[in-house]
Protein backbone atom coordinates (compact mmCIF):
# COMPACT_ATOMS: atom_id res chain seq x y z
CA UNK A 1 -16.05 -24.78 17.42
CA UNK A 2 -12.65 -23.29 18.16
CA UNK A 3 -11.90 -20.42 15.76
CA UNK A 4 -8.53 -20.78 14.02
CA UNK A 5 -6.60 -18.43 11.78
CA UNK A 6 -4.50 -19.51 8.80
CA UNK A 7 -1.47 -17.38 7.97
CA UNK A 8 0.10 -18.06 4.60
CA UNK A 9 3.57 -16.80 3.69
CA UNK A 10 4.20 -17.04 -0.05
CA UNK A 11 7.98 -16.79 -0.26
CA UNK A 12 10.40 -16.81 -3.14
CA UNK A 13 11.31 -20.48 -3.02
CA UNK A 14 8.80 -21.93 -0.54
CA UNK A 15 5.31 -21.44 0.84
CA UNK A 16 4.67 -21.74 4.58
CA UNK A 17 1.25 -22.15 6.16
CA UNK A 18 0.69 -21.85 9.92
CA UNK A 19 -2.46 -22.28 11.99
CA UNK A 20 -2.87 -20.07 15.06
CA UNK A 21 -5.41 -19.77 17.84
CA UNK A 22 -6.67 -16.38 19.00
CA UNK A 23 -3.88 -16.12 21.61
CA UNK A 24 -1.23 -16.26 18.92
CA UNK A 25 -0.16 -19.80 19.73
CA UNK A 26 0.98 -21.64 16.66
CA UNK A 27 -0.80 -24.96 16.60
CA UNK A 28 0.67 -26.43 13.44
CA UNK A 29 2.66 -25.44 10.37
CA UNK A 30 4.10 -26.84 7.18
CA UNK A 31 6.50 -25.69 4.44
CA UNK A 32 6.59 -26.76 0.82
CA UNK A 33 9.47 -25.75 -1.42
CA UNK A 34 9.31 -25.08 -5.17
CA UNK A 35 11.91 -24.56 -7.85
CA UNK A 36 12.18 -21.38 -9.86
CA UNK A 37 12.74 -21.48 -13.58
CA UNK A 38 15.99 -19.80 -14.69
CA UNK A 39 16.42 -20.72 -18.38
CA UNK A 40 18.83 -17.90 -19.06
CA UNK A 41 20.75 -15.05 -17.40
CA UNK A 42 18.47 -12.53 -15.64
CA UNK A 43 15.32 -14.57 -16.31
CA UNK A 44 13.50 -15.92 -13.21
CA UNK A 45 9.97 -17.32 -13.55
CA UNK A 46 7.55 -19.72 -11.87
CA UNK A 47 4.28 -21.37 -13.01
CA UNK A 48 1.44 -19.46 -11.39
CA UNK A 49 -0.24 -22.68 -10.28
CA UNK A 50 2.70 -23.81 -8.19
CA UNK A 51 1.77 -21.44 -5.34
CA UNK A 52 -1.79 -22.70 -4.82
CA UNK A 53 -0.64 -26.29 -5.21
CA UNK A 54 1.89 -25.68 -2.47
CA UNK A 55 -0.83 -24.35 -0.12
CA UNK A 56 -2.87 -27.53 -0.73
CA UNK A 57 0.19 -29.64 0.08
CA UNK A 58 0.84 -27.62 3.27
CA UNK A 59 -2.70 -28.17 4.50
CA UNK A 60 -2.46 -31.88 3.69
CA UNK A 61 0.70 -32.04 5.82
CA UNK A 62 -0.97 -30.13 8.69
CA UNK A 63 -3.98 -32.45 8.61
CA UNK A 64 -1.64 -35.44 8.58
CA UNK A 65 -0.15 -34.32 11.91
CA UNK A 66 -3.56 -34.85 13.49
CA UNK A 67 -3.31 -31.90 15.88
CA UNK A 68 -5.54 -29.42 14.03
CA UNK A 69 -8.99 -29.65 12.44
CA UNK A 70 -8.58 -27.40 9.36
CA UNK A 71 -12.38 -27.20 9.13
CA UNK A 72 -12.14 -24.80 12.08
CA UNK A 73 -10.17 -22.24 10.08
CA UNK A 74 -12.40 -19.19 9.97
CA UNK A 75 -10.17 -16.72 8.12
CA UNK A 76 -7.08 -16.71 5.88
CA UNK A 77 -4.45 -13.97 5.70
CA UNK A 78 -1.44 -13.55 3.51
CA UNK A 79 2.20 -12.50 3.57
CA UNK A 80 3.54 -12.31 0.01
CA UNK A 81 6.75 -11.63 -1.87
CA UNK A 82 6.73 -8.32 -3.70
CA UNK A 83 7.00 -7.53 -7.40
CA UNK A 84 6.21 -11.02 -8.75
CA UNK A 85 3.80 -10.40 -11.66
CA UNK A 86 1.10 -12.51 -13.27
CA UNK A 87 -0.55 -12.00 -16.65
CA UNK A 88 -4.18 -13.21 -16.67
CA UNK A 89 -6.92 -13.61 -19.30
CA UNK A 90 -10.55 -12.47 -18.87
CA UNK A 91 -11.31 -15.59 -16.84
CA UNK A 92 -8.35 -15.04 -14.52
CA UNK A 93 -6.30 -17.87 -16.01
CA UNK A 94 -2.54 -17.27 -16.39
CA UNK A 95 -1.29 -16.61 -19.92
CA UNK A 96 2.36 -17.23 -19.08
CA UNK A 97 4.60 -18.01 -16.11
CA UNK A 98 4.78 -15.44 -13.38
CA UNK A 99 7.81 -13.14 -13.72
CA UNK A 100 9.45 -13.36 -10.30
CA UNK A 101 10.73 -10.32 -8.44
CA UNK A 102 14.39 -11.32 -8.92
CA UNK A 103 13.98 -11.27 -12.72
CA UNK A 104 16.18 -8.53 -14.22
CA UNK A 105 15.59 -8.95 -17.98
CA UNK A 106 13.88 -5.58 -18.27
CA UNK A 107 16.99 -3.40 -17.81
CA UNK A 108 16.46 -1.64 -21.17
CA UNK A 109 12.84 -0.94 -20.26
CA UNK A 110 13.90 0.49 -16.91
CA UNK A 111 16.17 2.89 -18.82
CA UNK A 112 13.23 3.92 -20.97
CA UNK A 113 11.22 4.74 -17.87
CA UNK A 114 14.14 6.67 -16.42
CA UNK A 115 14.50 8.69 -19.60
CA UNK A 116 10.77 9.44 -19.71
CA UNK A 117 10.15 10.30 -16.06
CA UNK A 118 13.44 10.61 -14.22
CA UNK A 119 14.40 8.94 -10.93
CA UNK A 120 13.59 12.02 -8.85
CA UNK A 121 9.95 12.01 -10.00
CA UNK A 122 9.89 8.24 -9.53
CA UNK A 123 10.84 8.75 -5.87
CA UNK A 124 8.28 11.47 -5.23
CA UNK A 125 5.42 9.57 -6.81
CA UNK A 126 6.17 5.92 -5.92
CA UNK A 127 8.62 6.08 -3.03
CA UNK A 128 11.16 3.95 -4.94
CA UNK A 129 14.50 5.66 -5.38
CA UNK A 130 14.97 4.73 -9.04
CA UNK A 131 13.61 2.80 -12.00
CA UNK A 132 14.96 -0.74 -11.95
CA UNK A 133 14.45 -3.86 -14.04
CA UNK A 134 12.95 -5.80 -11.14
CA UNK A 135 9.96 -3.48 -10.64
CA UNK A 136 6.66 -4.52 -12.36
CA UNK A 137 6.39 -1.39 -14.48
CA UNK A 138 9.54 -2.39 -16.38
CA UNK A 139 8.33 -5.98 -16.57
CA UNK A 140 5.02 -4.92 -18.21
CA UNK A 141 6.91 -2.78 -20.71
CA UNK A 142 9.17 -5.75 -21.50
CA UNK A 143 6.20 -8.03 -22.20
CA UNK A 144 4.55 -5.31 -24.38
CA UNK A 145 7.74 -5.09 -26.49
CA UNK A 146 8.80 -8.72 -26.56
CA UNK A 147 5.46 -10.59 -26.33
CA UNK A 148 3.03 -8.18 -27.99
CA UNK A 149 0.35 -10.77 -28.72
CA UNK A 150 0.30 -11.93 -25.11
CA UNK A 151 0.29 -8.34 -23.91
CA UNK A 152 -2.82 -7.63 -26.03
CA UNK A 153 -4.56 -10.72 -24.62
CA UNK A 154 -3.77 -9.80 -21.01
CA UNK A 155 -6.99 -8.69 -19.28
CA UNK A 156 -5.47 -8.35 -15.84
CA UNK A 157 -1.93 -7.51 -14.63
CA UNK A 158 -1.88 -8.97 -11.11
CA UNK A 159 0.69 -9.24 -8.40
CA UNK A 160 1.05 -12.64 -6.81
CA UNK A 161 -1.14 -11.78 -3.81
CA UNK A 162 -3.89 -10.47 -6.16
CA UNK A 163 -3.81 -13.67 -8.19
CA UNK A 164 -3.87 -15.86 -5.09
CA UNK A 165 -6.86 -14.07 -3.60
CA UNK A 166 -8.61 -14.22 -6.96
CA UNK A 167 -8.19 -18.00 -7.02
CA UNK A 168 -9.82 -18.26 -3.58
CA UNK A 169 -12.62 -15.71 -3.92
CA UNK A 170 -13.10 -14.82 -7.61
CA UNK A 171 -12.41 -11.15 -6.76
CA UNK A 172 -9.38 -9.26 -8.07
CA UNK A 173 -8.08 -6.85 -5.45
CA UNK A 174 -4.72 -5.39 -4.48
CA UNK A 175 -3.36 -3.42 -1.53
CA UNK A 176 -0.78 -0.71 -1.07
CA UNK A 177 2.10 -2.54 0.60
CA UNK A 178 2.64 -4.57 -2.57
CA UNK A 179 1.52 -1.90 -5.01
CA UNK A 180 4.17 0.55 -3.72
CA UNK A 181 7.01 -1.07 -5.66
CA UNK A 182 5.15 -1.58 -8.88
CA UNK A 183 6.09 1.95 -9.91
CA UNK A 184 2.64 2.47 -11.43
CA UNK A 185 0.97 3.27 -8.08
CA UNK A 186 1.05 6.74 -6.51
CA UNK A 187 1.95 6.52 -2.83
CA UNK A 188 0.70 10.07 -2.23
CA UNK A 189 -2.82 9.54 -3.59
CA UNK A 190 -3.10 5.77 -3.04
CA UNK A 191 -4.27 5.47 -6.63
CA UNK A 192 -2.71 4.27 -9.87
CA UNK A 193 -0.29 6.75 -11.52
CA UNK A 194 -2.14 7.90 -14.69
CA UNK A 195 0.91 9.12 -16.60
CA UNK A 196 2.74 5.84 -15.99
CA UNK A 197 -0.25 3.78 -17.09
CA UNK A 198 -0.46 5.79 -20.31
CA UNK A 199 3.21 5.21 -21.05
CA UNK A 200 2.86 1.47 -20.36
CA UNK A 201 -0.16 1.34 -22.63
CA UNK A 202 -2.65 0.05 -20.04
CA UNK A 203 -5.59 1.49 -18.11
CA UNK A 204 -7.12 0.88 -14.70
CA UNK A 205 -9.63 -1.61 -16.09
CA UNK A 206 -6.74 -4.08 -16.45
CA UNK A 207 -5.62 -3.60 -12.85
CA UNK A 208 -7.10 -4.82 -9.53
CA UNK A 209 -9.37 -2.84 -7.23
CA UNK A 210 -7.32 -1.10 -4.56
CA UNK A 211 -7.89 -1.99 -0.89
CA UNK A 212 -6.08 -1.63 2.41
CA UNK A 213 -4.24 -4.53 4.01
CA UNK A 214 -6.27 -6.65 6.39
CA UNK A 215 -9.63 -6.01 4.73
CA UNK A 216 -12.25 -8.69 4.15
CA UNK A 217 -12.47 -9.66 0.48
CA UNK A 218 -15.16 -12.28 0.75
CA UNK A 219 -16.02 -15.90 1.56
CA UNK A 220 -13.90 -18.62 0.03
CA UNK A 221 -15.36 -20.21 -3.09
CA UNK A 222 -17.06 -23.56 -2.29
CA UNK A 223 -14.87 -25.48 -4.74
CA UNK A 224 -11.70 -24.00 -3.22
CA UNK A 225 -12.87 -24.75 0.33
CA UNK A 226 -13.36 -28.34 -0.69
CA UNK A 227 -9.95 -28.57 -2.39
CA UNK A 228 -8.19 -27.01 0.59
CA UNK A 229 -10.18 -28.94 3.16
CA UNK A 230 -11.29 -25.90 5.16
CA UNK A 231 -14.66 -24.51 6.17
CA UNK A 232 -16.81 -23.16 3.27
CA UNK A 233 -17.63 -20.24 5.59
CA UNK A 234 -13.99 -19.21 5.91
CA UNK A 235 -13.25 -15.57 5.07
CA UNK A 236 -10.38 -14.35 2.93
CA UNK A 237 -8.64 -11.03 3.63
CA UNK A 238 -6.08 -8.88 1.87
CA UNK A 239 -2.61 -9.43 3.20
CA UNK A 240 0.59 -7.49 2.80
CA UNK A 241 4.22 -7.54 1.70
CA UNK A 242 6.16 -10.25 3.49
CA UNK A 243 8.45 -7.77 5.23
CA UNK A 244 5.47 -5.75 6.47
CA UNK A 245 3.87 -8.94 7.77
CA UNK A 246 7.14 -9.86 9.44
CA UNK A 247 7.29 -6.46 11.12
CA UNK A 248 3.81 -6.90 12.49
CA UNK A 249 4.61 -10.47 13.61
CA UNK A 250 7.58 -9.30 15.55
CA UNK A 251 5.68 -6.38 17.14
CA UNK A 252 7.18 -3.57 15.03
CA UNK A 253 4.12 -1.32 14.76
CA UNK A 254 5.05 1.59 17.07
CA UNK A 255 7.60 4.43 16.72
CA UNK A 256 11.16 3.72 17.69
CA UNK A 257 11.33 0.08 16.58
CA UNK A 258 13.52 -1.21 13.75
CA UNK A 259 13.07 -4.76 12.59
CA UNK A 260 15.59 -6.76 10.55
CA UNK A 261 15.34 -10.13 8.88
CA UNK A 262 18.37 -12.11 7.83
CA UNK A 263 17.24 -14.86 5.48
CA UNK A 264 18.43 -15.24 1.93
CA UNK A 265 18.36 -11.42 1.91
CA UNK A 266 18.83 -8.90 4.66
CA UNK A 267 15.60 -6.88 4.90
CA UNK A 268 14.86 -3.95 7.23
CA UNK A 269 11.65 -2.18 8.16
CA UNK A 270 10.85 1.01 10.11
CA UNK A 271 7.18 2.08 10.14
CA UNK A 272 6.20 5.73 10.38
CA UNK A 273 2.88 7.61 10.44
CA UNK A 274 4.11 10.28 8.07
CA UNK A 275 5.19 10.03 4.45
CA UNK A 276 8.87 10.79 4.93
CA UNK A 277 11.35 11.03 2.06
CA UNK A 278 15.12 10.61 2.37
CA UNK A 279 16.75 13.94 1.43
CA UNK A 280 19.67 11.93 0.00
CA UNK A 281 17.24 9.75 -2.01
CA UNK A 282 18.87 6.58 -0.76
CA UNK A 283 16.14 5.00 1.36
CA UNK A 284 12.93 3.84 -0.41
CA UNK A 285 9.52 4.54 1.15
CA UNK A 286 6.85 1.84 1.09
CA UNK A 287 3.20 1.83 2.11
CA UNK A 288 2.74 -0.19 5.31
CA UNK A 289 0.10 -2.74 6.22
CA UNK A 290 -1.77 -0.25 8.50
CA UNK A 291 -3.90 2.51 6.87
CA UNK A 292 -2.03 5.74 6.13
CA UNK A 293 1.16 4.34 7.60
CA UNK A 294 4.45 4.03 5.75
CA UNK A 295 7.69 2.16 6.14
CA UNK A 296 11.30 2.61 5.32
CA UNK A 297 12.12 -0.76 3.83
CA UNK A 298 15.04 -2.10 1.87
CA UNK A 299 16.90 -5.33 1.34
CA UNK A 300 20.25 -6.62 0.11
CA UNK A 301 22.26 -9.82 0.03
CA UNK A 302 22.06 -11.37 3.49
CA UNK A 303 22.28 -14.87 4.82
CA UNK A 304 22.89 -16.00 1.25
CA UNK A 305 26.53 -14.93 1.75
CA UNK A 306 26.92 -17.19 4.81
CA UNK A 307 25.21 -20.04 3.02
CA UNK A 308 27.52 -19.65 0.04
CA UNK A 309 30.54 -19.77 2.34
CA UNK A 310 29.17 -22.85 4.09
CA UNK A 311 28.51 -24.68 0.82
CA UNK A 312 31.89 -23.72 -0.64
CA UNK A 313 34.22 -24.07 2.34
CA UNK A 314 32.55 -25.83 5.25
CA UNK A 315 32.34 -29.43 4.03
CA UNK A 316 33.44 -30.76 7.42
CA UNK A 317 30.54 -28.97 9.15
CA UNK A 318 28.11 -30.26 6.54
CA UNK A 319 29.54 -33.77 7.05
CA UNK A 320 29.08 -33.52 10.82
CA UNK A 321 25.50 -32.38 10.27
CA UNK A 322 24.84 -35.44 8.15
CA UNK A 323 26.53 -37.75 10.70
CA UNK A 324 25.25 -36.30 13.97
CA UNK A 325 22.21 -34.16 13.17
CA UNK A 326 23.87 -31.05 14.59
CA UNK A 327 23.00 -28.05 12.41
CA UNK A 328 25.94 -26.94 10.24
CA UNK A 329 25.25 -23.28 11.06
CA UNK A 330 25.35 -24.07 14.77
CA UNK A 331 28.77 -25.65 14.27
CA UNK A 332 29.90 -22.57 12.32
CA UNK A 333 28.63 -20.41 15.19
CA UNK A 334 30.79 -22.34 17.66
CA UNK A 335 33.87 -21.69 15.51
CA UNK A 336 33.14 -17.99 15.10
CA UNK A 337 32.71 -17.60 18.88
CA UNK A 338 36.45 -18.23 19.29
CA UNK A 339 37.31 -15.15 17.23
CA UNK A 340 37.42 -11.68 18.87
CA UNK A 341 35.14 -8.84 17.89
CA UNK A 342 36.37 -7.29 14.67
CA UNK A 343 37.68 -10.61 13.33
CA UNK A 344 41.30 -9.50 13.85
CA UNK A 345 40.88 -6.88 11.12
CA UNK A 346 39.20 -9.00 8.49
CA UNK A 347 36.34 -7.15 6.77
CA UNK A 348 33.79 -8.60 4.37
CA UNK A 349 31.69 -6.85 1.74
CA UNK A 350 28.85 -9.43 1.39
CA UNK A 351 27.53 -8.16 -1.94
CA UNK A 352 27.34 -11.41 -3.87
CA UNK A 353 24.39 -10.18 -5.91
CA UNK A 354 24.90 -6.44 -5.91
CA UNK A 355 24.04 -3.99 -3.14
CA UNK A 356 20.70 -2.27 -2.54
CA UNK A 357 19.58 0.81 -0.63
CA UNK A 358 20.89 2.90 0.91
CA UNK A 359 24.01 2.20 -1.23
CA UNK A 360 22.61 0.93 -4.52
CA UNK A 361 25.09 -0.68 -6.89
CA UNK A 362 23.77 -3.65 -8.83
CA UNK A 363 27.36 -4.33 -10.04
CA UNK A 364 28.77 -4.70 -6.53
CA UNK A 365 30.74 -7.86 -5.77
CA UNK A 366 31.83 -9.60 -2.60
CA UNK A 367 35.23 -8.72 -1.11
CA UNK A 368 37.33 -9.99 1.80
CA UNK A 369 39.75 -7.31 2.93
CA UNK A 370 42.60 -7.48 5.46
CA UNK A 371 43.35 -11.20 5.28
CA UNK A 372 46.73 -12.23 6.71
CA UNK A 373 48.47 -15.44 7.62
CA UNK A 374 46.79 -15.44 11.03
CA UNK A 375 43.29 -15.62 9.59
CA UNK A 376 41.52 -18.98 9.31
CA UNK A 377 38.10 -20.25 8.36
CA UNK A 378 36.53 -19.17 11.65
CA UNK A 379 37.63 -15.56 10.98
CA UNK A 380 35.82 -15.58 7.67
CA UNK A 381 32.66 -16.97 9.21
CA UNK A 382 32.63 -14.28 11.91
CA UNK A 383 33.55 -11.54 9.42
CA UNK A 384 30.57 -12.43 7.23
CA UNK A 385 28.30 -12.27 10.28
CA UNK A 386 29.75 -8.90 11.23
CA UNK A 387 29.28 -7.61 7.70
CA UNK A 388 25.54 -8.01 7.97
CA UNK A 389 25.68 -6.11 11.24
CA UNK A 390 27.49 -3.29 9.46
CA UNK A 391 24.76 -3.24 6.78
CA UNK A 392 22.12 -2.94 9.49
CA UNK A 393 24.14 -0.09 10.98
CA UNK A 394 24.32 1.60 7.57
CA UNK A 395 20.54 1.42 7.27
CA UNK A 396 20.16 2.85 10.76
CA UNK A 397 22.38 5.78 9.72
CA UNK A 398 20.12 6.48 6.74
CA UNK A 399 17.02 6.22 8.92
CA UNK A 400 18.58 8.62 11.45
CA UNK A 401 19.36 11.11 8.66
CA UNK A 402 15.63 11.20 7.88
CA UNK A 403 14.84 12.26 11.44
CA UNK A 404 13.38 8.90 12.48
CA UNK A 405 14.61 7.69 15.89
CA UNK A 406 15.24 4.02 16.62
CA UNK A 407 15.43 2.84 20.21
CA UNK A 408 15.39 -0.92 19.76
CA UNK A 409 15.80 -3.67 17.18
CA UNK A 410 13.48 -6.66 16.68
CA UNK A 411 15.10 -9.57 14.86
CA UNK A 412 13.53 -12.33 12.82
CA UNK A 413 14.34 -14.95 10.20
CA UNK A 414 17.06 -17.58 10.13
CA UNK A 415 19.70 -15.25 11.49
CA UNK A 416 17.73 -14.70 14.68
CA UNK A 417 18.37 -18.34 15.70
CA UNK A 418 22.03 -17.52 16.41
CA UNK A 419 22.72 -15.96 19.84
CA UNK A 420 26.18 -15.09 18.64
CA UNK A 421 24.88 -13.23 15.58
CA UNK A 422 22.22 -11.42 17.69
CA UNK A 423 24.92 -10.25 20.13
CA UNK A 424 27.16 -9.11 17.24
CA UNK A 425 24.28 -7.03 15.84
CA UNK A 426 23.60 -5.48 19.20
CA UNK A 427 27.29 -4.73 19.76
CA UNK A 428 27.77 -3.16 16.33
CA UNK A 429 24.67 -0.97 16.38
CA UNK A 430 24.77 -0.09 20.06
CA UNK A 431 21.01 -0.90 20.24
CA UNK A 432 19.12 -3.32 22.44
CA UNK A 433 17.93 -6.28 20.33
CA UNK A 434 14.90 -8.43 21.07
CA UNK A 435 14.04 -11.92 19.86
CA UNK A 436 10.36 -12.91 20.01
CA UNK A 437 8.85 -16.35 20.44
CA UNK A 438 7.60 -16.11 16.90
CA UNK A 439 10.88 -14.96 15.34
CA UNK A 440 10.91 -17.85 12.85
CA UNK A 441 7.29 -17.47 11.81
CA UNK A 442 6.74 -13.72 11.95
CA UNK A 443 5.37 -13.40 8.43
CA UNK A 444 2.68 -16.08 9.02
CA UNK A 445 1.85 -14.55 12.43
CA UNK A 446 1.66 -11.04 10.94
CA UNK A 447 -0.68 -12.29 8.26
CA UNK A 448 -2.77 -14.02 10.91
CA UNK A 449 -2.94 -10.87 13.03
CA UNK A 450 -4.29 -8.83 10.07
CA UNK A 451 -6.78 -11.57 9.22
CA UNK A 452 -7.97 -12.03 12.79
CA UNK A 453 -8.48 -8.30 13.18
CA UNK A 454 -10.42 -8.18 9.91
CA UNK A 455 -13.05 -10.68 11.21
CA UNK A 456 -13.34 -8.92 14.57
CA UNK A 457 -11.37 -11.38 16.73
CA UNK A 458 -9.34 -8.39 17.91
CA UNK A 459 -10.28 -4.73 18.34
CA UNK A 460 -7.22 -3.58 16.42
CA UNK A 461 -3.91 -4.69 15.04
CA UNK A 462 -2.27 -3.09 18.07
CA UNK A 463 -4.43 -5.10 20.44
CA UNK A 464 -3.66 -8.27 18.48
CA UNK A 465 0.09 -7.60 18.64
CA UNK A 466 -0.10 -7.03 22.40
CA UNK A 467 -1.94 -10.34 22.80
CA UNK A 468 0.04 -12.44 20.39
CA UNK A 469 3.65 -11.15 20.27
CA UNK A 470 5.96 -11.86 23.24
CA UNK A 471 9.70 -11.18 23.73
CA UNK A 472 11.72 -14.32 24.34
CA UNK A 473 15.24 -13.02 24.72
CA UNK A 474 17.04 -9.64 24.91
CA UNK A 475 20.62 -8.77 23.89
CA UNK A 476 22.26 -5.64 25.28
CA UNK A 477 25.26 -4.05 23.54
CA UNK A 478 28.68 -4.46 25.05
CA UNK A 479 30.30 -0.98 25.16
CA UNK A 480 33.84 -2.38 24.78
CA UNK A 481 33.00 -4.38 21.68
CA UNK A 482 30.93 -1.49 20.35
CA UNK A 483 34.01 0.69 20.38
CA UNK A 484 35.93 -1.93 18.41
CA UNK A 485 33.13 -2.19 15.90
CA UNK A 486 32.84 1.57 15.44
CA UNK A 487 36.38 1.59 14.00
CA UNK A 488 35.73 -1.47 11.84
CA UNK A 489 32.45 0.02 10.59
CA UNK A 490 34.26 3.15 9.37
CA UNK A 491 36.65 0.90 7.42
CA UNK A 492 33.70 -1.07 6.05
CA UNK A 493 32.14 2.09 4.60
CA UNK A 494 35.44 3.34 3.26
CA UNK A 495 36.16 0.02 1.61
CA UNK A 496 32.83 0.06 -0.22
CA UNK A 497 33.45 3.62 -1.41
CA UNK A 498 36.99 2.80 -2.53
CA UNK A 499 36.00 0.00 -4.90
CA UNK A 500 33.29 1.76 -6.84
CA UNK A 501 35.60 2.31 -9.82
CA UNK A 502 36.42 -1.43 -9.85
CA UNK A 503 32.73 -2.23 -9.91
CA UNK A 504 32.25 0.17 -12.82
CA UNK A 505 35.08 -1.43 -14.78
CA UNK A 506 33.62 -4.92 -14.10
CA UNK A 507 30.28 -3.73 -15.52
CA UNK A 508 31.99 -2.71 -18.76
CA UNK A 509 33.52 -6.18 -19.33
C-alpha cells in the first residue's frame, strides 16, 4: 500500500485539502469555500461545524477525481488560521459560533488588558507588540462580560486547530505557533501565562495540553475515519499556524530566508533560532513550527487591495474573463507591464483595512498620491502592485534593524503567480526572489511535511524540505529599476508618516 499524506489548510474563507506522496508530489487537491457571519460591524463568526464539513466535502471531491485512494492516507497534518476561538462544553461540543480572528468587537477589553499589564510587558511575555481586540485574550474577556452564562458553561477554550484535532482524535491539544498570539501563553517559558489567566478568570484546566508542532496526537477515531473515508489506522498530528506552514512549504527553514505571501493579506515570515525582540517594538515575535525556533511574522492588507480595484474599476477585464476564460488578473498584469517602474510618480498606500506591523495603525486608510492627467487605469494597477513591494521592503528594514540578515526571498500565494509582480518585488527590495513548484499550495505541503516527519517518513523536517521543495523560477533585481524604486520607497514612507494626523481625525468622527 502506497503511503500518502493529507495536508489540510483551514483558511479564513475556505478549506483546502491536498494529498501528497513521500516525494512531495501533489496527487490531488480540493477547495471548499464557506461564508463568514458578519451580522454587525466588527463581528465576524463562523459555525464550528463548517470546518469539518468542508474537509469531508474536499475528500469527497478528491475521491470523485479517481486518481487517489484516500484509504491509503496514513497521516494528517494541519495548517490553520490563527486566533479563531471556539468555546466548548465538557463533551467538546461548541457552545456558540467560533469568533474568527478578524473579529474586532473586543476593543474595550483590549484596553482593559493594556491598562492592567501594559504593552511593553505584553511584548516581553507573549511576543505580540500590543494588546488588540483580535487576540483571543480580549475575546475571552468579552465573552465573560457579555455572555456570562455561556462563559461559566465553557469547559474548554480552544483555538480552531485544537477543536479540529479534538474532533478527529478526542484529545484536546494545542501548540506554540498558534498559542503565541493568544496573549495568554508565555513565549519564554512555553507555558500559559498565570497572571493573564487569573485576570481572565480561567485556569489551565480549561485550556488544551501544550505540544510542539508536528507531534503525533493519536489514531483517528473509527467513526471519523468512516465519515472521512480514510484508513482507521491513520495518525493525526499537531499542525501549525498557516504562515509557518507556508514558510516550511516554500523551504524557509534556514537562516537568511524571508518568505512572503500575498493573498487577501500580505504576510511575511523570517524564522530564527533565538528569541529576538525588536528594540523599536514594531515587529511581533511568534513561536515557529520547529522546536525552540521563533519567527518574525506580521501581516497587513495585501492582495485584497488589488482585488478591490479589479472589482470596482476593471469591469472590462472581468467581462473578458467571462467571455474568453483568460484570468482577469492576467489581463491586469498585461496592462501594468506597459507602465514604467515607479508608475510615473503614482504612489499607493494600500491600507484598506488599517495597517499592521511594523507600522501599526488600525485607522489607516488607502491613499493614491501623485495622480496627474497622464495617469490611467494601468498606472493604478501597477502602483498597487508596487505598494505591496514597498511594504515587503518596510518589513525587511525592521528585520534588518533586529540584526537578522536576509539573503533571499521565497514567494507564495496568489501574488506569486504573476511574473511581473515577482520582478517588481525583486527590483524594489534588491533581493533575489524564488518561486517554488509548490508556491500555490505551500501551507498544505508544509502541513504534510510536519505530518510525514512525525510518522517517521523523513528523518527531519529539514530532510523533508530538501526532498519535497524545489525552486521553479528565480527573479534577479534590476539595478536600474532598483534605483528608481529607492526614491519612490522614501516617498512611500514619508507619505504614510505625513497622514497620521488625518487618520487620527478620522478615528474621532
